C-alpha atoms as a PDB file:
ATOM      1  CA  MET A   1      76.885  64.158  67.272  1.00  0.00           C
ATOM      2  CA  ASP A   2      78.173  63.250  70.249  1.00  0.00           C
ATOM      3  CA  GLU A   3      78.690  60.282  72.390  1.00  0.00           C
ATOM      4  CA  GLN A   4      74.798  60.802  74.506  1.00  0.00           C
ATOM      5  CA  ALA A   5      73.147  61.730  71.189  1.00  0.00           C
ATOM      6  CA  LEU A   6      74.601  58.002  69.690  1.00  0.00           C
ATOM      7  CA  ARG A   7      73.570  56.494  72.761  1.00  0.00           C
ATOM      8  CA  ARG A   8      70.558  57.391  73.149  1.00  0.00           C
ATOM      9  CA  ALA A   9      69.530  56.512  69.504  1.00  0.00           C
ATOM     10  CA  ALA A  10      71.537  53.022  69.687  1.00  0.00           C
ATOM     11  CA  GLY A  11      68.457  52.510  72.331  1.00  0.00           C
ATOM     12  CA  ARG A  12      65.424  53.700  70.324  1.00  0.00           C
ATOM     13  CA  VAL A  13      66.281  51.189  67.980  1.00  0.00           C
ATOM     14  CA  LEU A  14      65.861  48.403  70.162  1.00  0.00           C
ATOM     15  CA  ILE A  15      62.632  46.790  71.107  1.00  0.00           C
ATOM     16  CA  VAL A  16      63.376  44.055  74.562  1.00  0.00           C
ATOM     17  CA  GLY A  17      61.880  41.335  76.330  1.00  0.00           C
ATOM     18  CA  PHE A  18      61.641  40.336  80.016  1.00  0.00           C
ATOM     19  CA  SER A  19      60.658  38.415  82.428  1.00  0.00           C
ATOM     20  CA  GLY A  20      58.112  38.811  85.032  1.00  0.00           C
ATOM     21  CA  PRO A  21      56.087  41.829  86.064  1.00  0.00           C
ATOM     22  CA  ASP A  22      58.428  44.662  85.591  1.00  0.00           C
ATOM     23  CA  LEU A  23      61.278  45.667  83.276  1.00  0.00           C
ATOM     24  CA  PRO A  24      64.872  45.345  84.783  1.00  0.00           C
ATOM     25  CA  ASP A  25      66.740  47.933  86.101  1.00  0.00           C
ATOM     26  CA  PRO A  26      69.555  48.325  83.986  1.00  0.00           C
ATOM     27  CA  LEU A  27      67.133  47.956  80.708  1.00  0.00           C
ATOM     28  CA  ALA A  28      64.618  50.929  83.017  1.00  0.00           C
ATOM     29  CA  ARG A  29      67.488  53.386  83.208  1.00  0.00           C
ATOM     30  CA  LEU A  30      67.714  53.045  79.535  1.00  0.00           C
ATOM     31  CA  ALA A  31      63.961  53.713  79.127  1.00  0.00           C
ATOM     32  CA  SER A  32      64.573  56.963  81.995  1.00  0.00           C
ATOM     33  CA  GLU A  33      66.995  58.011  79.353  1.00  0.00           C
ATOM     34  CA  GLY A  34      64.800  58.196  76.606  1.00  0.00           C
ATOM     35  CA  ALA A  35      67.338  55.798  75.000  1.00  0.00           C
ATOM     36  CA  LEU A  36      65.079  52.569  74.802  1.00  0.00           C
ATOM     37  CA  GLY A  37      62.814  52.145  71.684  1.00  0.00           C
ATOM     38  CA  GLY A  38      59.907  49.675  73.487  1.00  0.00           C
ATOM     39  CA  VAL A  39      59.360  46.339  74.892  1.00  0.00           C
ATOM     40  CA  ILE A  40      58.009  43.091  73.922  1.00  0.00           C
ATOM     41  CA  LEU A  41      55.253  41.453  76.102  1.00  0.00           C
ATOM     42  CA  PHE A  42      54.780  37.182  76.342  1.00  0.00           C
ATOM     43  CA  LYS A  43      52.937  35.433  78.567  1.00  0.00           C
ATOM     44  CA  ARG A  44      55.536  35.212  81.319  1.00  0.00           C
ATOM     45  CA  ASN A  45      54.898  38.871  81.807  1.00  0.00           C
ATOM     46  CA  LEU A  46      51.365  38.500  81.332  1.00  0.00           C
ATOM     47  CA  GLY A  47      47.975  38.046  83.724  1.00  0.00           C
ATOM     48  CA  THR A  48      44.459  39.497  84.344  1.00  0.00           C
ATOM     49  CA  LEU A  49      43.659  42.450  82.754  1.00  0.00           C
ATOM     50  CA  SER A  50      44.308  44.185  85.339  1.00  0.00           C
ATOM     51  CA  GLU A  51      47.569  43.076  85.855  1.00  0.00           C
ATOM     52  CA  VAL A  52      48.539  43.566  82.314  1.00  0.00           C
ATOM     53  CA  ALA A  53      47.262  47.232  82.157  1.00  0.00           C
ATOM     54  CA  SER A  54      49.742  48.098  85.812  1.00  0.00           C
ATOM     55  CA  LEU A  55      52.358  46.644  83.981  1.00  0.00           C
ATOM     56  CA  VAL A  56      51.619  48.872  80.887  1.00  0.00           C
ATOM     57  CA  ARG A  57      51.211  52.167  83.005  1.00  0.00           C
ATOM     58  CA  ARG A  58      54.075  50.885  85.211  1.00  0.00           C
ATOM     59  CA  LEU A  59      55.966  50.847  81.690  1.00  0.00           C
ATOM     60  CA  HIS A  60      54.688  54.373  80.300  1.00  0.00           C
ATOM     61  CA  ALA A  61      56.113  56.040  83.721  1.00  0.00           C
ATOM     62  CA  LEU A  62      59.896  55.081  83.216  1.00  0.00           C
ATOM     63  CA  TRP A  63      60.006  56.954  79.739  1.00  0.00           C
ATOM     64  CA  PRO A  64      60.716  60.837  79.938  1.00  0.00           C
ATOM     65  CA  ALA A  65      57.667  63.094  80.069  1.00  0.00           C
ATOM     66  CA  GLY A  66      56.131  63.881  76.728  1.00  0.00           C
ATOM     67  CA  ASP A  67      58.218  60.441  75.502  1.00  0.00           C
ATOM     68  CA  ALA A  68      56.309  56.965  75.387  1.00  0.00           C
ATOM     69  CA  PRO A  69      57.485  53.718  74.979  1.00  0.00           C
ATOM     70  CA  LEU A  70      56.506  50.819  71.902  1.00  0.00           C
ATOM     71  CA  VAL A  71      54.740  48.264  73.867  1.00  0.00           C
ATOM     72  CA  ALA A  72      54.409  45.004  71.138  1.00  0.00           C
ATOM     73  CA  ILE A  73      53.034  41.608  71.596  1.00  0.00           C
ATOM     74  CA  ASP A  74      53.276  38.710  68.983  1.00  0.00           C
ATOM     75  CA  GLN A  75      49.018  38.019  68.642  1.00  0.00           C
ATOM     76  CA  GLU A  76      48.463  35.957  65.669  1.00  0.00           C
ATOM     77  CA  GLY A  77      45.618  33.645  66.987  1.00  0.00           C
ATOM     78  CA  GLY A  78      45.664  30.259  67.280  1.00  0.00           C
ATOM     79  CA  ARG A  79      49.174  28.771  69.131  1.00  0.00           C
ATOM     80  CA  VAL A  80      50.641  32.085  68.678  1.00  0.00           C
ATOM     81  CA  ALA A  81      48.200  34.244  71.332  1.00  0.00           C
ATOM     82  CA  ARG A  82      50.303  35.615  74.179  1.00  0.00           C
ATOM     83  CA  LEU A  83      47.124  37.004  75.865  1.00  0.00           C
ATOM     84  CA  GLY A  84      44.156  34.572  76.632  1.00  0.00           C
ATOM     85  CA  ALA A  85      40.027  35.303  76.947  1.00  0.00           C
ATOM     86  CA  PRO A  86      38.265  37.510  77.247  1.00  0.00           C
ATOM     87  CA  VAL A  87      40.918  38.889  74.426  1.00  0.00           C
ATOM     88  CA  LEU A  88      39.633  37.469  71.462  1.00  0.00           C
ATOM     89  CA  ARG A  89      40.620  34.225  70.832  1.00  0.00           C
ATOM     90  CA  LEU A  90      41.152  33.793  67.051  1.00  0.00           C
ATOM     91  CA  PRO A  91      41.767  30.476  65.417  1.00  0.00           C
ATOM     92  CA  PRO A  92      44.933  29.658  63.603  1.00  0.00           C
ATOM     93  CA  MET A  93      45.025  32.221  60.599  1.00  0.00           C
ATOM     94  CA  ARG A  94      44.792  29.046  58.222  1.00  0.00           C
ATOM     95  CA  VAL A  95      41.218  28.644  59.527  1.00  0.00           C
ATOM     96  CA  LEU A  96      40.466  32.112  58.635  1.00  0.00           C
ATOM     97  CA  GLY A  97      42.078  31.729  55.182  1.00  0.00           C
ATOM     98  CA  GLU A  98      39.506  28.236  55.092  1.00  0.00           C
ATOM     99  CA  ILE A  99      36.856  30.597  55.344  1.00  0.00           C
ATOM    100  CA  ASP A 100      37.687  32.729  53.010  1.00  0.00           C
ATOM    101  CA  ASP A 101      35.827  36.004  53.645  1.00  0.00           C
ATOM    102  CA  PRO A 102      38.213  38.718  53.642  1.00  0.00           C
ATOM    103  CA  ASP A 103      35.523  40.908  55.770  1.00  0.00           C
ATOM    104  CA  LEU A 104      35.857  38.410  58.218  1.00  0.00           C
ATOM    105  CA  THR A 105      39.437  39.034  58.504  1.00  0.00           C
ATOM    106  CA  ARG A 106      39.359  42.423  59.033  1.00  0.00           C
ATOM    107  CA  ARG A 107      36.769  42.470  61.345  1.00  0.00           C
ATOM    108  CA  ALA A 108      38.283  40.186  63.525  1.00  0.00           C
ATOM    109  CA  ALA A 109      41.598  42.238  63.574  1.00  0.00           C
ATOM    110  CA  ARG A 110      40.183  45.563  64.432  1.00  0.00           C
ATOM    111  CA  VAL A 111      38.214  43.454  67.258  1.00  0.00           C
ATOM    112  CA  LEU A 112      41.559  42.805  68.753  1.00  0.00           C
ATOM    113  CA  GLY A 113      43.310  45.281  67.762  1.00  0.00           C
ATOM    114  CA  SER A 114      40.607  47.508  70.140  1.00  0.00           C
ATOM    115  CA  GLN A 115      41.015  45.218  73.177  1.00  0.00           C
ATOM    116  CA  LEU A 116      44.747  45.765  72.326  1.00  0.00           C
ATOM    117  CA  ARG A 117      44.715  48.903  72.246  1.00  0.00           C
ATOM    118  CA  ALA A 118      42.926  49.614  75.308  1.00  0.00           C
ATOM    119  CA  LEU A 119      45.714  47.580  76.839  1.00  0.00           C
ATOM    120  CA  GLY A 120      47.868  49.736  75.863  1.00  0.00           C
ATOM    121  CA  ILE A 121      49.543  48.078  73.251  1.00  0.00           C
ATOM    122  CA  GLY A 122      50.161  49.290  70.474  1.00  0.00           C
ATOM    123  CA  VAL A 123      51.950  46.791  67.515  1.00  0.00           C
ATOM    124  CA  ASP A 124      50.812  43.612  66.914  1.00  0.00           C
ATOM    125  CA  PHE A 125      53.214  41.366  65.666  1.00  0.00           C
ATOM    126  CA  ALA A 126      51.372  39.873  63.415  1.00  0.00           C
ATOM    127  CA  PRO A 127      50.325  38.690  59.953  1.00  0.00           C
ATOM    128  CA  VAL A 128      51.972  35.857  59.049  1.00  0.00           C
ATOM    129  CA  LEU A 129      52.597  36.859  55.789  1.00  0.00           C
ATOM    130  CA  ASP A 130      54.806  33.555  55.066  1.00  0.00           C
ATOM    131  CA  VAL A 131      53.101  31.336  52.460  1.00  0.00           C
ATOM    132  CA  ASP A 132      53.276  27.461  53.645  1.00  0.00           C
ATOM    133  CA  THR A 133      53.925  25.433  50.730  1.00  0.00           C
ATOM    134  CA  ASN A 134      56.240  23.166  53.143  1.00  0.00           C
ATOM    135  CA  PRO A 135      54.225  20.826  54.986  1.00  0.00           C
ATOM    136  CA  ASP A 136      56.985  19.553  56.775  1.00  0.00           C
ATOM    137  CA  ASN A 137      57.747  23.367  58.229  1.00  0.00           C
ATOM    138  CA  PRO A 138      57.500  23.105  61.405  1.00  0.00           C
ATOM    139  CA  VAL A 139      57.434  26.743  62.832  1.00  0.00           C
ATOM    140  CA  ILE A 140      55.145  28.446  60.195  1.00  0.00           C
ATOM    141  CA  GLY A 141      52.220  25.571  58.942  1.00  0.00           C
ATOM    142  CA  ASP A 142      48.552  26.955  60.372  1.00  0.00           C
ATOM    143  CA  ARG A 143      50.134  30.171  61.320  1.00  0.00           C
ATOM    144  CA  ALA A 144      49.648  31.352  57.468  1.00  0.00           C
ATOM    145  CA  PHE A 145      46.677  31.734  55.930  1.00  0.00           C
ATOM    146  CA  GLY A 146      47.223  29.069  53.233  1.00  0.00           C
ATOM    147  CA  ARG A 147      49.696  27.878  50.862  1.00  0.00           C
ATOM    148  CA  ASP A 148      48.167  29.710  48.083  1.00  0.00           C
ATOM    149  CA  ALA A 149      50.038  33.690  47.623  1.00  0.00           C
ATOM    150  CA  GLU A 150      46.608  34.945  46.871  1.00  0.00           C
ATOM    151  CA  VAL A 151      44.761  33.712  49.579  1.00  0.00           C
ATOM    152  CA  VAL A 152      47.684  34.474  52.172  1.00  0.00           C
ATOM    153  CA  THR A 153      48.062  38.398  50.375  1.00  0.00           C
ATOM    154  CA  ARG A 154      44.267  38.504  50.439  1.00  0.00           C
ATOM    155  CA  HIS A 155      44.262  37.772  54.527  1.00  0.00           C
ATOM    156  CA  GLY A 156      46.955  39.113  55.508  1.00  0.00           C
ATOM    157  CA  LEU A 157      46.117  42.555  54.192  1.00  0.00           C
ATOM    158  CA  ALA A 158      42.854  42.638  55.258  1.00  0.00           C
ATOM    159  CA  PHE A 159      44.329  41.570  58.757  1.00  0.00           C
ATOM    160  CA  ALA A 160      46.588  44.435  58.829  1.00  0.00           C
ATOM    161  CA  ALA A 161      43.807  47.150  57.836  1.00  0.00           C
ATOM    162  CA  GLY A 162      41.651  45.766  60.891  1.00  0.00           C
ATOM    163  CA  LEU A 163      44.438  46.748  63.327  1.00  0.00           C
ATOM    164  CA  ALA A 164      45.156  49.500  61.639  1.00  0.00           C
ATOM    165  CA  GLU A 165      41.091  50.802  61.558  1.00  0.00           C
ATOM    166  CA  ALA A 166      41.521  50.268  65.448  1.00  0.00           C
ATOM    167  CA  GLY A 167      44.701  52.009  65.850  1.00  0.00           C
ATOM    168  CA  VAL A 168      47.510  49.205  66.026  1.00  0.00           C
ATOM    169  CA  VAL A 169      50.388  48.925  64.042  1.00  0.00           C
ATOM    170  CA  ALA A 170      50.448  45.716  62.122  1.00  0.00           C
ATOM    171  CA  CYS A 171      53.627  43.944  61.118  1.00  0.00           C
ATOM    172  CA  GLY A 172      54.101  41.545  57.973  1.00  0.00           C
ATOM    173  CA  LYS A 173      56.028  38.254  58.463  1.00  0.00           C
ATOM    174  CA  HIS A 174      58.668  36.905  58.097  1.00  0.00           C
ATOM    175  CA  PHE A 175      60.867  38.804  54.807  1.00  0.00           C
ATOM    176  CA  PRO A 176      60.889  37.367  52.461  1.00  0.00           C
ATOM    177  CA  GLY A 177      58.969  34.237  53.379  1.00  0.00           C
ATOM    178  CA  HIS A 178      59.447  31.524  55.869  1.00  0.00           C
ATOM    179  CA  GLY A 179      56.860  29.354  54.622  1.00  0.00           C
ATOM    180  CA  ASP A 180      58.848  26.333  52.579  1.00  0.00           C
ATOM    181  CA  THR A 181      61.976  25.403  55.206  1.00  0.00           C
ATOM    182  CA  GLU A 182      62.276  22.990  57.274  1.00  0.00           C
ATOM    183  CA  LEU A 183      63.976  24.380  60.299  1.00  0.00           C
ATOM    184  CA  ASP A 184      62.597  26.276  62.743  1.00  0.00           C
ATOM    185  CA  SER A 185      64.669  29.584  63.168  1.00  0.00           C
ATOM    186  CA  HIS A 186      65.016  29.475  66.597  1.00  0.00           C
ATOM    187  CA  LEU A 187      67.030  26.462  66.633  1.00  0.00           C
ATOM    188  CA  ALA A 188      68.745  26.528  63.368  1.00  0.00           C
ATOM    189  CA  LEU A 189      69.358  28.594  60.245  1.00  0.00           C
ATOM    190  CA  PRO A 190      67.261  27.250  57.626  1.00  0.00           C
ATOM    191  CA  THR A 191      68.296  27.733  53.512  1.00  0.00           C
ATOM    192  CA  ILE A 192      66.323  28.073  50.751  1.00  0.00           C
ATOM    193  CA  ALA A 193      67.216  27.153  47.507  1.00  0.00           C
ATOM    194  CA  HIS A 194      64.400  28.150  44.798  1.00  0.00           C
ATOM    195  CA  ASP A 195      65.498  30.477  42.136  1.00  0.00           C
ATOM    196  CA  ARG A 196      64.648  33.994  41.875  1.00  0.00           C
ATOM    197  CA  ALA A 197      61.365  33.493  39.646  1.00  0.00           C
ATOM    198  CA  ARG A 198      59.981  31.142  41.762  1.00  0.00           C
ATOM    199  CA  LEU A 199      60.723  33.291  44.946  1.00  0.00           C
ATOM    200  CA  GLU A 200      58.970  36.160  43.161  1.00  0.00           C
ATOM    201  CA  ALA A 201      55.804  34.000  42.398  1.00  0.00           C
ATOM    202  CA  VAL A 202      55.202  32.683  46.129  1.00  0.00           C
ATOM    203  CA  GLU A 203      57.388  33.948  48.630  1.00  0.00           C
ATOM    204  CA  LEU A 204      57.925  37.587  47.591  1.00  0.00           C
ATOM    205  CA  ALA A 205      53.920  38.232  46.168  1.00  0.00           C
ATOM    206  CA  PRO A 206      51.887  39.218  49.438  1.00  0.00           C
ATOM    207  CA  PHE A 207      55.222  41.078  50.662  1.00  0.00           C
ATOM    208  CA  ARG A 208      54.524  43.266  47.437  1.00  0.00           C
ATOM    209  CA  ALA A 209      51.215  43.645  47.818  1.00  0.00           C
ATOM    210  CA  ALA A 210      51.947  44.758  51.322  1.00  0.00           C
ATOM    211  CA  ARG A 211      54.932  47.436  50.531  1.00  0.00           C
ATOM    212  CA  GLY A 212      52.338  50.250  50.812  1.00  0.00           C
ATOM    213  CA  ALA A 213      49.934  48.592  53.135  1.00  0.00           C
ATOM    214  CA  LEU A 214      51.901  47.460  56.692  1.00  0.00           C
ATOM    215  CA  PRO A 215      53.914  50.109  58.619  1.00  0.00           C
ATOM    216  CA  THR A 216      56.614  47.073  59.720  1.00  0.00           C
ATOM    217  CA  LEU A 217      57.674  44.356  58.336  1.00  0.00           C
ATOM    218  CA  MET A 218      59.424  41.484  59.987  1.00  0.00           C
ATOM    219  CA  THR A 219      62.736  39.928  58.571  1.00  0.00           C
ATOM    220  CA  ALA A 220      63.612  35.800  58.575  1.00  0.00           C
ATOM    221  CA  HIS A 221      66.975  34.263  59.969  1.00  0.00           C
ATOM    222  CA  VAL A 222      66.423  32.302  56.949  1.00  0.00           C
ATOM    223  CA  VAL A 223      69.498  32.326  54.205  1.00  0.00           C
ATOM    224  CA  PHE A 224      67.963  32.706  49.938  1.00  0.00           C
ATOM    225  CA  GLU A 225      70.478  31.255  48.289  1.00  0.00           C
ATOM    226  CA  ALA A 226      69.340  32.952  45.115  1.00  0.00           C
ATOM    227  CA  LEU A 227      69.698  36.562  46.829  1.00  0.00           C
ATOM    228  CA  ASP A 228      72.768  36.215  48.826  1.00  0.00           C
ATOM    229  CA  PRO A 229      74.464  33.108  49.659  1.00  0.00           C
ATOM    230  CA  GLY A 230      75.174  31.776  53.199  1.00  0.00           C
ATOM    231  CA  VAL A 231      73.503  35.102  54.906  1.00  0.00           C
ATOM    232  CA  PRO A 232      71.047  35.018  56.799  1.00  0.00           C
ATOM    233  CA  ALA A 233      68.284  37.922  55.520  1.00  0.00           C
ATOM    234  CA  THR A 234      68.196  39.721  58.657  1.00  0.00           C
ATOM    235  CA  LEU A 235      71.879  40.666  57.920  1.00  0.00           C
ATOM    236  CA  SER A 236      72.169  41.036  54.288  1.00  0.00           C
ATOM    237  CA  SER A 237      71.982  44.277  52.910  1.00  0.00           C
ATOM    238  CA  LYS A 238      71.080  42.841  49.344  1.00  0.00           C
ATOM    239  CA  VAL A 239      67.804  41.358  50.669  1.00  0.00           C
ATOM    240  CA  ILE A 240      66.923  44.135  53.322  1.00  0.00           C
ATOM    241  CA  THR A 241      68.742  46.890  51.169  1.00  0.00           C
ATOM    242  CA  GLY A 242      69.163  45.901  47.708  1.00  0.00           C
ATOM    243  CA  LEU A 243      65.736  44.148  47.793  1.00  0.00           C
ATOM    244  CA  LEU A 244      62.711  45.326  50.097  1.00  0.00           C
ATOM    245  CA  ARG A 245      63.872  48.701  49.903  1.00  0.00           C
ATOM    246  CA  GLY A 246      64.687  49.010  46.589  1.00  0.00           C
ATOM    247  CA  ALA A 247      63.181  46.431  44.349  1.00  0.00           C
ATOM    248  CA  LEU A 248      60.011  46.118  46.737  1.00  0.00           C
ATOM    249  CA  GLY A 249      60.262  50.355  47.090  1.00  0.00           C
ATOM    250  CA  TYR A 250      59.242  49.265  50.847  1.00  0.00           C
ATOM    251  CA  ASP A 251      58.980  52.872  53.006  1.00  0.00           C
ATOM    252  CA  GLY A 252      58.283  51.280  56.380  1.00  0.00           C
ATOM    253  CA  VAL A 253      59.774  50.495  59.385  1.00  0.00           C
ATOM    254  CA  ILE A 254      61.854  47.150  58.846  1.00  0.00           C
ATOM    255  CA  VAL A 255      62.126  44.921  62.141  1.00  0.00           C
ATOM    256  CA  SER A 256      64.654  41.857  62.966  1.00  0.00           C
ATOM    257  CA  ASP A 257      63.239  38.688  64.129  1.00  0.00           C
ATOM    258  CA  ASP A 258      64.560  37.870  67.519  1.00  0.00           C
ATOM    259  CA  LEU A 259      68.122  38.190  67.240  1.00  0.00           C
ATOM    260  CA  GLU A 260      69.006  35.890  70.860  1.00  0.00           C
ATOM    261  CA  MET A 261      67.564  33.058  68.213  1.00  0.00           C
ATOM    262  CA  LYS A 262      69.776  30.227  67.322  1.00  0.00           C
ATOM    263  CA  ALA A 263      69.578  30.897  63.482  1.00  0.00           C
ATOM    264  CA  VAL A 264      71.837  34.370  64.618  1.00  0.00           C
ATOM    265  CA  ALA A 265      73.106  34.265  67.899  1.00  0.00           C
ATOM    266  CA  ASP A 266      75.075  30.774  67.482  1.00  0.00           C
ATOM    267  CA  ARG A 267      76.697  31.978  64.840  1.00  0.00           C
ATOM    268  CA  TRP A 268      77.326  35.873  65.319  1.00  0.00           C
ATOM    269  CA  GLY A 269      76.351  36.290  68.792  1.00  0.00           C
ATOM    270  CA  VAL A 270      73.762  38.867  69.306  1.00  0.00           C
ATOM    271  CA  ALA A 271      75.852  41.795  69.328  1.00  0.00           C
ATOM    272  CA  ALA A 272      77.477  41.531  66.398  1.00  0.00           C
ATOM    273  CA  ALA A 273      73.750  40.493  65.018  1.00  0.00           C
ATOM    274  CA  ALA A 274      72.689  43.613  66.381  1.00  0.00           C
ATOM    275  CA  VAL A 275      75.272  45.895  64.641  1.00  0.00           C
ATOM    276  CA  ARG A 276      75.040  44.247  61.127  1.00  0.00           C
ATOM    277  CA  ALA A 277      71.562  43.993  61.147  1.00  0.00           C
ATOM    278  CA  ILE A 278      71.703  47.998  61.087  1.00  0.00           C
ATOM    279  CA  GLU A 279      74.003  48.039  58.460  1.00  0.00           C
ATOM    280  CA  ALA A 280      71.596  45.280  56.162  1.00  0.00           C
ATOM    281  CA  GLY A 281      68.918  48.656  56.234  1.00  0.00           C
ATOM    282  CA  CYS A 282      66.982  46.687  59.502  1.00  0.00           C
ATOM    283  CA  ASP A 283      65.489  49.760  61.641  1.00  0.00           C
ATOM    284  CA  ALA A 284      64.123  47.931  65.178  1.00  0.00           C
ATOM    285  CA  LEU A 285      65.793  45.424  66.700  1.00  0.00           C
ATOM    286  CA  LEU A 286      64.353  42.646  68.946  1.00  0.00           C
ATOM    287  CA  VAL A 287      66.250  41.271  71.466  1.00  0.00           C
ATOM    288  CA  CYS A 288      63.226  38.972  73.221  1.00  0.00           C
ATOM    289  CA  ALA A 289      64.711  37.609  76.882  1.00  0.00           C
ATOM    290  CA  SER A 290      67.937  38.444  78.122  1.00  0.00           C
ATOM    291  CA  ALA A 291      68.571  41.842  79.905  1.00  0.00           C
ATOM    292  CA  GLU A 292      72.197  41.369  79.451  1.00  0.00           C
ATOM    293  CA  ARG A 293      71.984  40.787  75.508  1.00  0.00           C
ATOM    294  CA  ALA A 294      69.969  44.049  75.021  1.00  0.00           C
ATOM    295  CA  LEU A 295      73.050  46.157  76.840  1.00  0.00           C
ATOM    296  CA  GLU A 296      75.519  44.133  74.798  1.00  0.00           C
ATOM    297  CA  ALA A 297      73.781  45.253  71.667  1.00  0.00           C
ATOM    298  CA  HIS A 298      73.109  48.713  72.859  1.00  0.00           C
ATOM    299  CA  ARG A 299      76.810  49.037  73.554  1.00  0.00           C
ATOM    300  CA  ALA A 300      78.190  47.348  70.419  1.00  0.00           C
ATOM    301  CA  LEU A 301      75.867  50.097  68.915  1.00  0.00           C
ATOM    302  CA  VAL A 302      77.017  52.987  70.005  1.00  0.00           C
ATOM    303  CA  GLU A 303      81.050  51.635  69.687  1.00  0.00           C
ATOM    304  CA  ASN A 304      80.748  51.206  65.998  1.00  0.00           C
ATOM    305  CA  ALA A 305      78.472  54.515  65.684  1.00  0.00           C
ATOM    306  CA  VAL A 306      80.965  56.609  67.887  1.00  0.00           C
ATOM    307  CA  ALA A 307      84.055  54.747  65.586  1.00  0.00           C
ATOM    308  CA  ASP A 308      82.068  54.724  61.985  1.00  0.00           C
ATOM    309  CA  ALA A 309      80.136  57.913  61.057  1.00  0.00           C
ATOM    310  CA  SER A 310      78.175  56.004  58.061  1.00  0.00           C
ATOM    311  CA  PHE A 311      77.199  53.697  60.034  1.00  0.00           C
ATOM    312  CA  ALA A 312      75.977  56.201  63.099  1.00  0.00           C
ATOM    313  CA  ALA A 313      74.399  58.181  59.948  1.00  0.00           C
ATOM    314  CA  ARG A 314      72.532  55.003  59.262  1.00  0.00           C
ATOM    315  CA  LEU A 315      71.846  53.998  63.052  1.00  0.00           C
ATOM    316  CA  ARG A 316      70.262  57.388  63.587  1.00  0.00           C
ATOM    317  CA  GLU A 317      68.410  57.097  60.422  1.00  0.00           C
ATOM    318  CA  ALA A 318      66.871  53.953  61.757  1.00  0.00           C
ATOM    319  CA  ALA A 319      65.896  55.673  64.990  1.00  0.00           C
ATOM    320  CA  SER A 320      64.220  58.222  63.324  1.00  0.00           C
ATOM    321  CA  ARG A 321      61.964  55.530  61.517  1.00  0.00           C
ATOM    322  CA  VAL A 322      61.105  53.897  64.874  1.00  0.00           C
ATOM    323  CA  ASP A 323      60.278  57.090  66.463  1.00  0.00           C
ATOM    324  CA  GLY A 324      58.134  57.892  63.249  1.00  0.00           C
ATOM    325  CA  LEU A 325      56.083  54.676  64.641  1.00  0.00           C
ATOM    326  CA  GLY A 326      52.829  56.100  66.175  1.00  0.00           C
ATOM    327  CA  ARG A 327      52.312  55.258  69.949  1.00  0.00           C
ATOM    328  CA  VAL A 328      48.771  55.020  71.801  1.00  0.00           C
ATOM    329  CA  ALA A 329      48.091  55.837  75.405  1.00  0.00           C
ATOM    330  CA  PRO A 330      48.428  53.840  78.645  1.00  0.00           C
ATOM    331  CA  PRO A 331      45.544  51.788  79.483  1.00  0.00           C
ATOM    332  CA  GLY A 332      42.139  53.667  81.167  1.00  0.00           C
ATOM    333  CA  LEU A 333      41.112  52.616  84.646  1.00  0.00           C
ATOM    334  CA  ASP A 334      37.474  50.419  82.689  1.00  0.00           C
ATOM    335  CA  VAL A 335      39.676  48.401  80.903  1.00  0.00           C
ATOM    336  CA  GLU A 336      37.517  45.496  81.534  1.00  0.00           C
ATOM    337  CA  ALA A 337      34.535  47.138  80.437  1.00  0.00           C
ATOM    338  CA  GLN A 338      36.681  48.363  76.934  1.00  0.00           C
ATOM    339  CA  ILE A 339      37.833  44.740  76.661  1.00  0.00           C
ATOM    340  CA  GLY A 340      34.195  42.954  76.814  1.00  0.00           C
ATOM    341  CA  ALA A 341      32.645  45.950  74.290  1.00  0.00           C
ATOM    342  CA  ALA A 342      34.947  45.160  71.713  1.00  0.00           C
ATOM    343  CA  GLY A 343      32.831  42.514  69.845  1.00  0.00           C
ATOM    344  CA  ALA A 344      34.623  39.113  70.948  1.00  0.00           C
ATOM    345  CA  ALA A 345      32.061  36.903  71.471  1.00  0.00           C
ATOM    346  CA  ALA A 346      30.010  37.487  68.551  1.00  0.00           C
ATOM    347  CA  ILE A 347      33.180  37.318  66.010  1.00  0.00           C
ATOM    348  CA  GLU A 348      33.978  33.950  68.048  1.00  0.00           C
ATOM    349  CA  ALA A 349      30.706  32.454  67.252  1.00  0.00           C
ATOM    350  CA  GLU A 350      31.064  33.583  63.295  1.00  0.00           C
ATOM    351  CA  TRP A 351      34.470  32.712  62.302  1.00  0.00           C
ATOM    352  CA  SER A 352      33.338  28.853  64.200  1.00  0.00           C
ATOM    353  CA  SER A 353      29.883  28.745  62.764  1.00  0.00           C
ATOM    354  CA  ARG A 354      31.858  29.069  59.067  1.00  0.00           C
ATOM    355  CA  ARG A 355      34.912  26.648  59.868  1.00  0.00           C
ATOM    356  CA  VAL A 356      35.024  24.594  57.117  1.00  0.00           C
ATOM    357  CA  GLY A 357      35.085  21.326  58.422  1.00  0.00           C
ATOM    358  CA  GLY A 358      33.089  22.109  60.839  1.00  0.00           C
END
C-alpha cells in the first residue's frame, strides 16, 4: 500500500471539530483529497437553521465527487444539546427514564433524527448508556436514563431505534461505562475499581444489550482496574479488542472519545493517543477542537503505518469500518419546512405533561 493510500486511510479515521463557520484550510485540503472522515459540530459552529444548512452544504462541497463527510453532533437532550429551537428540545434523559415509556423515547428520537437528517447531520453521539450509580459524578448525572441498568438499557435501545428509523446513526457511550466516576475525563483521568462481576452486572449490561443494535459505540477515557490496570479504556487493547470485540462480539464502529480531553492528552499527547487508540481497536478518532492537533494525529498515523505493516493493516481495517457508515445527503432548500413538519411540539408537550413531579 503506497504512502498516499495510507495518508487517505489515516485521514478517514479522523472526525474533527473546528472553530467558526468554516473548516480551516489545512483540514479542508485533507477533505479535498478524500483524506478526512468527517466533522463534529458544536454550538460555536452553529447559527440559524439556514446558516447550519449552508455550513453543511459547504462541507459537502469540500469532499471529492462521489464522496461525502460524516457530519456528527452531540444532541443528547438536556444540557448536552448543540442545536436549539426549533429543533426538538429534549429534556435530560433522566426525565425520559423516569417517565419510563420506551415508545415515547423512541418517538422522540425519531423526531429528533428526522430534524438532524434534514440539516444533513447523519451521526448523533447519543444515547448515553452509562448507568448513573454515583451521585457525585460530575459529568454524567442526569444525562443517563437512570441508576438502574435495565432502565438504561430499555431507553438506550429505544432512543437508538428512533434515530435509526429517521436514517441517523446512533452512538452509544461511554464504553465500558462512565457512570460511577468521581472525576470528569475532560479534566482528569478517572479510575473505577469495581471487580469484574460488578462490571458485568451494571456497567457492561447496557453495552452487551446494544451490541447488535447500535452501529457505533464511543469509548470512555476511564481506567478500569479489573480490566487493564492503569490504561484508559480508549487506549486499551484488552478493553476494546479483547472485551468489546471479543467477549461481547461487537462488530460496529468503535469511536474514541475526544483525544484532546485531559484524561489522555495530558499523559500521552493527542498524536500518540491516536496511534494507541487505533492499535487498541478503535476505528474512528475524535479530535474536537484544534486543527493543529488533528493534523499532528494524522501525521503520526501515517508515519506509524509506513513503518509498521501490522499497524497499516489495522489502520486500513479501521478506515474501512468508518467508510461503511451511511452518509446522509446535504440539506435541501426547504430545511425550515422539514424541521417544522417533524412534530417536535407534540413530543415536547407529551413529555412535559408526563414528567414525574411536574
